[in-house]
């Protein structure tokens, strides 16, 4: 009878350490913003974020997505939960799309698809994981204003 393979936790720790070293070096060379590098190398960050990373627009006013109507969702974000077309008026689907854009979207996609006012309205729903949300909130104090 075949046994279940045991996870190699030492290997995982080595891979995480190596990735954190790459991120630290990228930040030192100016290839990655310091605040994102710090968030990605913080204790407890998920493997998904550590190995994928995330982007943040440079200016909240760059968020020029539509405030109403339908949005064409980038193919890499579409799945069984998120359709290829999202009506901004559907708060639940719009929040899901924004969450995906905050975590997996490029800054260019964020600027083109996220609407500043809609983001401010939806932000209290905790659109992003804590690691990502903290970077956005440090960069844009408007997100924490009540």
N, C-alpha and C. Protein backbone atom coordinates (compact mmCIF):
# COMPACT_ATOMS: atom_id res chain seq x y z
N UNK A 1 0.83 -1.16 0.00
CA UNK A 1 0.00 0.00 0.00
C UNK A 1 0.89 1.25 0.00
N UNK A 2 0.54 2.21 -0.87
CA UNK A 2 1.35 3.43 -1.01
C UNK A 2 1.08 4.37 0.15
N UNK A 3 2.13 5.00 0.61
CA UNK A 3 1.96 5.95 1.70
C UNK A 3 1.80 7.35 1.14
N UNK A 4 1.20 8.20 1.93
CA UNK A 4 1.01 9.59 1.54
C UNK A 4 2.34 10.31 1.65
N UNK A 5 2.73 11.05 0.59
CA UNK A 5 4.00 11.78 0.68
C UNK A 5 3.96 12.83 1.79
N UNK A 6 5.06 12.98 2.45
CA UNK A 6 5.14 13.95 3.54
C UNK A 6 5.67 15.27 2.97
N UNK A 7 5.09 16.35 3.41
CA UNK A 7 5.57 17.66 2.93
C UNK A 7 7.02 17.88 3.37
N UNK A 8 7.78 18.48 2.51
CA UNK A 8 9.17 18.82 2.82
C UNK A 8 9.20 20.27 3.30
N UNK A 9 8.93 20.46 4.58
CA UNK A 9 8.83 21.81 5.13
C UNK A 9 10.15 22.56 5.07
N UNK A 10 11.24 21.86 5.17
CA UNK A 10 12.55 22.51 5.08
C UNK A 10 12.75 23.10 3.68
N UNK A 11 12.33 22.37 2.67
CA UNK A 11 12.44 22.87 1.28
C UNK A 11 11.56 24.09 1.09
N UNK A 12 10.35 24.05 1.61
CA UNK A 12 9.44 25.19 1.51
C UNK A 12 10.06 26.42 2.19
N UNK A 13 10.63 26.22 3.34
CA UNK A 13 11.27 27.33 4.06
C UNK A 13 12.43 27.90 3.25
N UNK A 14 13.22 27.02 2.61
CA UNK A 14 14.33 27.50 1.77
C UNK A 14 13.81 28.31 0.59
N UNK A 15 12.75 27.83 -0.05
CA UNK A 15 12.17 28.54 -1.19
C UNK A 15 11.63 29.91 -0.77
N UNK A 16 10.94 29.94 0.37
CA UNK A 16 10.42 31.23 0.88
C UNK A 16 11.57 32.19 1.18
N UNK A 17 12.62 31.67 1.82
CA UNK A 17 13.78 32.51 2.13
C UNK A 17 14.44 33.04 0.87
N UNK A 18 14.57 32.19 -0.13
CA UNK A 18 15.18 32.62 -1.39
C UNK A 18 14.33 33.70 -2.06
N UNK A 19 13.02 33.51 -2.08
CA UNK A 19 12.12 34.50 -2.69
C UNK A 19 12.17 35.82 -1.93
N UNK A 20 12.22 35.75 -0.62
CA UNK A 20 12.33 36.98 0.16
C UNK A 20 13.64 37.71 -0.14
N UNK A 21 14.71 36.94 -0.35
CA UNK A 21 15.99 37.55 -0.72
C UNK A 21 15.90 38.24 -2.08
N UNK A 22 15.22 37.63 -3.03
CA UNK A 22 15.04 38.24 -4.36
C UNK A 22 14.26 39.54 -4.23
N UNK A 23 13.22 39.52 -3.42
CA UNK A 23 12.39 40.72 -3.22
C UNK A 23 13.21 41.82 -2.55
N UNK A 24 13.96 41.49 -1.52
CA UNK A 24 14.81 42.48 -0.84
C UNK A 24 15.80 43.11 -1.82
N UNK A 25 16.40 42.29 -2.66
CA UNK A 25 17.38 42.79 -3.63
C UNK A 25 16.69 43.68 -4.67
N UNK A 26 15.51 43.29 -5.12
CA UNK A 26 14.77 44.11 -6.09
C UNK A 26 14.45 45.48 -5.49
N UNK A 27 14.10 45.52 -4.21
CA UNK A 27 13.81 46.79 -3.56
C UNK A 27 15.08 47.63 -3.44
N UNK A 28 16.20 46.99 -3.08
CA UNK A 28 17.48 47.72 -2.96
C UNK A 28 17.89 48.34 -4.29
N UNK A 29 17.57 47.65 -5.38
CA UNK A 29 17.94 48.14 -6.71
C UNK A 29 16.89 49.11 -7.29
N UNK A 30 15.83 49.36 -6.53
CA UNK A 30 14.80 50.28 -7.00
C UNK A 30 13.85 49.67 -8.02
N UNK A 31 13.85 48.35 -8.10
CA UNK A 31 12.98 47.67 -9.06
C UNK A 31 11.60 47.38 -8.48
N UNK A 32 11.46 47.56 -7.18
CA UNK A 32 10.19 47.30 -6.50
C UNK A 32 10.05 48.35 -5.41
N UNK A 33 8.85 48.92 -5.25
CA UNK A 33 8.66 49.89 -4.16
C UNK A 33 8.96 49.26 -2.80
N UNK A 34 9.64 50.01 -1.95
CA UNK A 34 10.01 49.52 -0.62
C UNK A 34 8.80 49.04 0.18
N UNK A 35 7.68 49.78 0.10
CA UNK A 35 6.51 49.41 0.90
C UNK A 35 5.93 48.07 0.47
N UNK A 36 5.99 47.76 -0.81
CA UNK A 36 5.50 46.47 -1.29
C UNK A 36 6.48 45.37 -0.89
N UNK A 37 7.76 45.63 -1.04
CA UNK A 37 8.77 44.64 -0.64
C UNK A 37 8.64 44.32 0.85
N UNK A 38 8.45 45.34 1.66
CA UNK A 38 8.30 45.13 3.11
C UNK A 38 7.06 44.28 3.39
N UNK A 39 5.96 44.57 2.69
CA UNK A 39 4.72 43.80 2.91
C UNK A 39 4.90 42.34 2.49
N UNK A 40 5.60 42.12 1.39
CA UNK A 40 5.77 40.76 0.88
C UNK A 40 6.72 39.91 1.73
N UNK A 41 7.60 40.56 2.45
CA UNK A 41 8.57 39.81 3.26
C UNK A 41 8.20 39.80 4.74
N UNK A 42 7.05 40.35 5.08
CA UNK A 42 6.60 40.36 6.47
C UNK A 42 6.22 38.95 6.91
N UNK A 43 6.39 38.66 8.19
CA UNK A 43 5.98 37.35 8.69
C UNK A 43 4.48 37.13 8.44
N UNK A 44 4.14 35.93 8.05
CA UNK A 44 2.74 35.58 7.87
C UNK A 44 2.15 35.89 6.51
N UNK A 45 2.93 36.52 5.62
CA UNK A 45 2.39 36.79 4.28
C UNK A 45 2.13 35.45 3.59
N UNK A 46 1.07 35.39 2.83
CA UNK A 46 0.71 34.13 2.16
C UNK A 46 1.73 33.78 1.08
N UNK A 47 1.87 32.50 0.83
CA UNK A 47 2.75 32.05 -0.26
C UNK A 47 2.30 32.65 -1.58
N UNK A 48 0.99 32.73 -1.79
CA UNK A 48 0.46 33.29 -3.04
C UNK A 48 1.00 34.69 -3.27
N UNK A 49 0.88 35.56 -2.27
CA UNK A 49 1.37 36.94 -2.43
C UNK A 49 2.89 36.98 -2.52
N UNK A 50 3.56 36.19 -1.70
CA UNK A 50 5.02 36.20 -1.71
C UNK A 50 5.56 35.87 -3.09
N UNK A 51 5.02 34.84 -3.71
CA UNK A 51 5.58 34.38 -4.98
C UNK A 51 4.98 35.11 -6.18
N UNK A 52 3.80 35.70 -6.04
CA UNK A 52 3.19 36.43 -7.15
C UNK A 52 3.48 37.92 -7.07
N UNK A 53 3.48 38.47 -5.85
CA UNK A 53 3.61 39.91 -5.69
C UNK A 53 2.30 40.60 -6.05
N UNK A 54 2.31 41.91 -5.97
CA UNK A 54 1.14 42.69 -6.36
C UNK A 54 1.59 44.10 -6.70
N UNK A 55 0.75 44.81 -7.43
CA UNK A 55 1.07 46.17 -7.83
C UNK A 55 0.05 47.12 -7.23
N UNK A 56 0.44 48.40 -7.14
CA UNK A 56 -0.44 49.45 -6.64
C UNK A 56 -0.20 50.68 -7.53
N UNK A 57 -1.30 51.31 -7.94
CA UNK A 57 -1.14 52.53 -8.74
C UNK A 57 -0.39 53.58 -7.94
N UNK A 58 0.27 54.49 -8.64
CA UNK A 58 1.06 55.51 -7.97
C UNK A 58 0.19 56.62 -7.39
N UNK A 59 -0.99 56.82 -7.96
CA UNK A 59 -1.84 57.93 -7.56
C UNK A 59 -3.30 57.49 -7.59
N UNK A 60 -4.02 57.73 -6.51
CA UNK A 60 -5.43 57.34 -6.45
C UNK A 60 -6.24 58.02 -7.56
N UNK A 61 -5.84 59.22 -7.94
CA UNK A 61 -6.54 59.92 -9.02
C UNK A 61 -6.30 59.27 -10.38
N UNK A 62 -5.36 58.35 -10.47
CA UNK A 62 -5.14 57.62 -11.73
C UNK A 62 -6.22 56.59 -11.98
N UNK A 63 -7.04 56.29 -10.96
CA UNK A 63 -8.09 55.29 -11.11
C UNK A 63 -9.23 55.91 -11.91
N UNK A 64 -9.24 55.61 -13.20
CA UNK A 64 -10.16 56.25 -14.13
C UNK A 64 -11.18 55.29 -14.72
N UNK A 65 -11.44 54.18 -14.02
CA UNK A 65 -12.42 53.23 -14.50
C UNK A 65 -13.81 53.81 -14.48
N UNK A 66 -14.73 53.16 -15.18
CA UNK A 66 -16.10 53.68 -15.24
C UNK A 66 -16.81 53.59 -13.90
N UNK A 67 -17.64 54.59 -13.63
CA UNK A 67 -18.43 54.60 -12.41
C UNK A 67 -19.78 53.94 -12.57
N UNK A 68 -20.11 53.58 -13.81
CA UNK A 68 -21.36 52.89 -14.09
C UNK A 68 -21.19 52.09 -15.38
N UNK A 69 -22.14 51.21 -15.63
CA UNK A 69 -22.09 50.41 -16.85
C UNK A 69 -21.35 49.11 -16.64
N UNK A 70 -21.03 48.49 -17.77
CA UNK A 70 -20.37 47.18 -17.75
C UNK A 70 -18.87 47.31 -17.92
N UNK A 71 -18.16 46.43 -17.24
CA UNK A 71 -16.70 46.35 -17.35
C UNK A 71 -16.32 45.02 -17.97
N UNK A 72 -15.43 45.06 -18.96
CA UNK A 72 -14.85 43.83 -19.50
C UNK A 72 -13.73 43.41 -18.56
N UNK A 73 -13.85 42.23 -18.02
CA UNK A 73 -12.89 41.73 -17.04
C UNK A 73 -11.70 41.10 -17.78
N UNK A 74 -10.48 41.44 -17.41
CA UNK A 74 -9.32 40.79 -18.03
C UNK A 74 -9.42 39.27 -17.90
N UNK A 75 -9.05 38.59 -18.95
CA UNK A 75 -9.21 37.14 -19.03
C UNK A 75 -8.58 36.41 -17.83
N UNK A 76 -7.43 36.86 -17.39
CA UNK A 76 -6.74 36.14 -16.31
C UNK A 76 -7.45 36.26 -14.96
N UNK A 77 -8.48 37.11 -14.86
CA UNK A 77 -9.22 37.26 -13.61
C UNK A 77 -10.57 36.53 -13.62
N UNK A 78 -11.00 36.10 -14.82
CA UNK A 78 -12.31 35.46 -14.98
C UNK A 78 -12.24 34.01 -14.51
N UNK A 79 -13.29 33.61 -13.76
CA UNK A 79 -13.43 32.20 -13.37
C UNK A 79 -14.90 31.95 -13.06
N UNK A 80 -15.20 30.86 -12.39
CA UNK A 80 -16.58 30.51 -12.09
C UNK A 80 -17.28 31.52 -11.19
N UNK A 81 -16.53 32.27 -10.40
CA UNK A 81 -17.13 33.27 -9.51
C UNK A 81 -17.24 34.65 -10.16
N UNK A 82 -16.33 34.94 -11.07
CA UNK A 82 -16.28 36.26 -11.69
C UNK A 82 -16.46 36.13 -13.20
N UNK A 83 -17.58 36.65 -13.73
CA UNK A 83 -17.83 36.54 -15.17
C UNK A 83 -16.96 37.51 -15.98
N UNK A 84 -17.01 37.36 -17.28
CA UNK A 84 -16.20 38.19 -18.18
C UNK A 84 -16.73 39.61 -18.30
N UNK A 85 -17.96 39.83 -17.88
CA UNK A 85 -18.58 41.16 -17.94
C UNK A 85 -19.23 41.43 -16.59
N UNK A 86 -18.88 42.56 -15.96
CA UNK A 86 -19.40 42.91 -14.64
C UNK A 86 -20.07 44.27 -14.72
N UNK A 87 -21.29 44.35 -14.21
CA UNK A 87 -22.00 45.63 -14.11
C UNK A 87 -21.54 46.31 -12.82
N UNK A 88 -21.03 47.52 -12.94
CA UNK A 88 -20.53 48.26 -11.78
C UNK A 88 -21.62 48.45 -10.74
N UNK A 89 -22.88 48.48 -11.16
CA UNK A 89 -24.00 48.65 -10.23
C UNK A 89 -24.22 47.42 -9.35
N UNK A 90 -23.70 46.28 -9.75
CA UNK A 90 -23.81 45.06 -8.94
C UNK A 90 -22.68 45.10 -7.90
N UNK A 91 -23.01 45.60 -6.71
CA UNK A 91 -21.98 45.85 -5.69
C UNK A 91 -21.17 44.61 -5.35
N UNK A 92 -21.81 43.45 -5.27
CA UNK A 92 -21.09 42.23 -4.90
C UNK A 92 -20.09 41.83 -5.98
N UNK A 93 -20.52 41.83 -7.24
CA UNK A 93 -19.60 41.46 -8.33
C UNK A 93 -18.53 42.53 -8.53
N UNK A 94 -18.91 43.78 -8.38
CA UNK A 94 -17.93 44.85 -8.53
C UNK A 94 -16.86 44.74 -7.43
N UNK A 95 -17.28 44.44 -6.20
CA UNK A 95 -16.32 44.26 -5.10
C UNK A 95 -15.39 43.09 -5.38
N UNK A 96 -15.93 41.99 -5.93
CA UNK A 96 -15.10 40.84 -6.27
C UNK A 96 -14.09 41.20 -7.36
N UNK A 97 -14.55 41.92 -8.38
CA UNK A 97 -13.63 42.35 -9.44
C UNK A 97 -12.54 43.26 -8.88
N UNK A 98 -12.92 44.23 -8.06
CA UNK A 98 -11.92 45.13 -7.49
C UNK A 98 -10.92 44.36 -6.64
N UNK A 99 -11.40 43.40 -5.86
CA UNK A 99 -10.50 42.58 -5.04
C UNK A 99 -9.48 41.88 -5.92
N UNK A 100 -9.95 41.29 -7.00
CA UNK A 100 -9.03 40.60 -7.92
C UNK A 100 -8.03 41.58 -8.52
N UNK A 101 -8.51 42.76 -8.89
CA UNK A 101 -7.61 43.75 -9.46
C UNK A 101 -6.57 44.23 -8.46
N UNK A 102 -6.97 44.39 -7.21
CA UNK A 102 -6.03 44.83 -6.17
C UNK A 102 -4.95 43.78 -5.89
N UNK A 103 -5.33 42.52 -5.98
CA UNK A 103 -4.39 41.45 -5.64
C UNK A 103 -3.63 40.95 -6.87
N UNK A 104 -4.31 40.82 -8.01
CA UNK A 104 -3.68 40.18 -9.16
C UNK A 104 -3.57 41.06 -10.40
N UNK A 105 -4.14 42.25 -10.34
CA UNK A 105 -4.11 43.13 -11.50
C UNK A 105 -2.85 43.96 -11.56
N UNK A 106 -2.49 44.35 -12.75
CA UNK A 106 -1.36 45.27 -12.91
C UNK A 106 -1.82 46.68 -12.57
N UNK A 107 -0.89 47.57 -12.32
CA UNK A 107 -1.24 48.96 -12.05
C UNK A 107 -1.97 49.56 -13.25
N UNK A 108 -1.61 49.16 -14.44
CA UNK A 108 -2.29 49.63 -15.66
C UNK A 108 -3.73 49.16 -15.68
N UNK A 109 -3.97 47.89 -15.34
CA UNK A 109 -5.34 47.38 -15.28
C UNK A 109 -6.13 48.08 -14.18
N UNK A 110 -5.50 48.30 -13.04
CA UNK A 110 -6.18 48.99 -11.94
C UNK A 110 -6.61 50.39 -12.38
N UNK A 111 -5.71 51.12 -13.02
CA UNK A 111 -6.02 52.48 -13.45
C UNK A 111 -7.16 52.51 -14.48
N UNK A 112 -7.19 51.53 -15.36
CA UNK A 112 -8.19 51.51 -16.42
C UNK A 112 -9.56 51.02 -15.95
N UNK A 113 -9.59 50.16 -14.93
CA UNK A 113 -10.84 49.50 -14.57
C UNK A 113 -11.44 49.94 -13.23
N UNK A 114 -10.61 50.37 -12.30
CA UNK A 114 -11.12 50.77 -10.99
C UNK A 114 -11.50 52.25 -11.03
N UNK A 115 -12.67 52.55 -10.54
CA UNK A 115 -13.13 53.93 -10.42
C UNK A 115 -12.83 54.41 -9.00
N UNK A 116 -12.19 55.55 -8.89
CA UNK A 116 -11.78 56.08 -7.58
C UNK A 116 -12.96 56.17 -6.61
N UNK A 117 -14.07 56.77 -7.04
CA UNK A 117 -15.21 56.95 -6.15
C UNK A 117 -15.85 55.62 -5.76
N UNK A 118 -15.92 54.70 -6.71
CA UNK A 118 -16.48 53.38 -6.40
C UNK A 118 -15.56 52.65 -5.41
N UNK A 119 -14.25 52.76 -5.61
CA UNK A 119 -13.31 52.13 -4.68
C UNK A 119 -13.49 52.69 -3.27
N UNK A 120 -13.60 54.00 -3.16
CA UNK A 120 -13.78 54.61 -1.83
C UNK A 120 -15.08 54.14 -1.18
N UNK A 121 -16.12 53.96 -1.98
CA UNK A 121 -17.40 53.49 -1.44
C UNK A 121 -17.32 52.02 -1.01
N UNK A 122 -16.60 51.20 -1.77
CA UNK A 122 -16.52 49.77 -1.48
C UNK A 122 -15.42 49.41 -0.47
N UNK A 123 -14.46 50.28 -0.28
CA UNK A 123 -13.29 49.95 0.54
C UNK A 123 -13.63 49.40 1.93
N UNK A 124 -14.63 49.94 2.63
CA UNK A 124 -14.93 49.39 3.96
C UNK A 124 -15.32 47.91 3.95
N UNK A 125 -15.62 47.34 2.81
CA UNK A 125 -15.95 45.91 2.72
C UNK A 125 -14.72 45.03 2.83
N UNK A 126 -13.56 45.60 3.05
CA UNK A 126 -12.30 44.85 3.09
C UNK A 126 -12.09 44.13 1.78
N UNK A 127 -11.84 44.93 0.78
CA UNK A 127 -11.68 44.41 -0.58
C UNK A 127 -10.43 43.58 -0.78
N UNK A 128 -9.44 43.80 0.04
CA UNK A 128 -8.15 43.13 -0.20
C UNK A 128 -7.67 42.43 1.06
N UNK A 129 -6.80 41.43 0.89
CA UNK A 129 -6.17 40.82 2.06
C UNK A 129 -5.41 41.89 2.85
N UNK A 130 -5.23 41.65 4.12
CA UNK A 130 -4.61 42.64 5.00
C UNK A 130 -3.28 43.16 4.47
N UNK A 131 -2.44 42.29 3.95
CA UNK A 131 -1.13 42.70 3.43
C UNK A 131 -1.28 43.73 2.33
N UNK A 132 -2.18 43.48 1.40
CA UNK A 132 -2.40 44.39 0.28
C UNK A 132 -3.10 45.66 0.76
N UNK A 133 -4.12 45.50 1.59
CA UNK A 133 -4.88 46.65 2.09
C UNK A 133 -3.99 47.63 2.84
N UNK A 134 -3.06 47.12 3.63
CA UNK A 134 -2.17 48.00 4.39
C UNK A 134 -1.32 48.86 3.48
N UNK A 135 -0.83 48.30 2.39
CA UNK A 135 -0.02 49.09 1.45
C UNK A 135 -0.88 50.17 0.81
N UNK A 136 -2.08 49.80 0.37
CA UNK A 136 -2.98 50.79 -0.23
C UNK A 136 -3.31 51.89 0.77
N UNK A 137 -3.61 51.52 2.02
CA UNK A 137 -3.99 52.51 3.01
C UNK A 137 -2.82 53.40 3.41
N UNK A 138 -1.61 52.87 3.45
CA UNK A 138 -0.44 53.71 3.75
C UNK A 138 -0.18 54.68 2.61
N UNK A 139 -0.39 54.22 1.40
CA UNK A 139 -0.13 55.07 0.24
C UNK A 139 -1.24 56.10 0.05
N UNK A 140 -2.48 55.74 0.38
CA UNK A 140 -3.63 56.62 0.11
C UNK A 140 -4.46 56.78 1.39
N UNK A 141 -4.20 57.85 2.11
CA UNK A 141 -4.91 58.09 3.38
C UNK A 141 -6.41 58.24 3.18
N UNK A 142 -6.86 58.59 1.98
CA UNK A 142 -8.30 58.74 1.71
C UNK A 142 -9.05 57.43 1.99
N UNK A 143 -8.37 56.31 1.89
CA UNK A 143 -9.03 55.03 2.10
C UNK A 143 -9.36 54.79 3.56
N UNK A 144 -8.66 55.45 4.46
CA UNK A 144 -8.92 55.25 5.89
C UNK A 144 -9.76 56.37 6.48
N UNK A 145 -10.00 57.43 5.70
CA UNK A 145 -10.84 58.54 6.18
C UNK A 145 -12.29 58.07 6.27
N UNK A 146 -12.99 58.57 7.25
CA UNK A 146 -14.39 58.17 7.42
C UNK A 146 -15.31 59.27 7.05
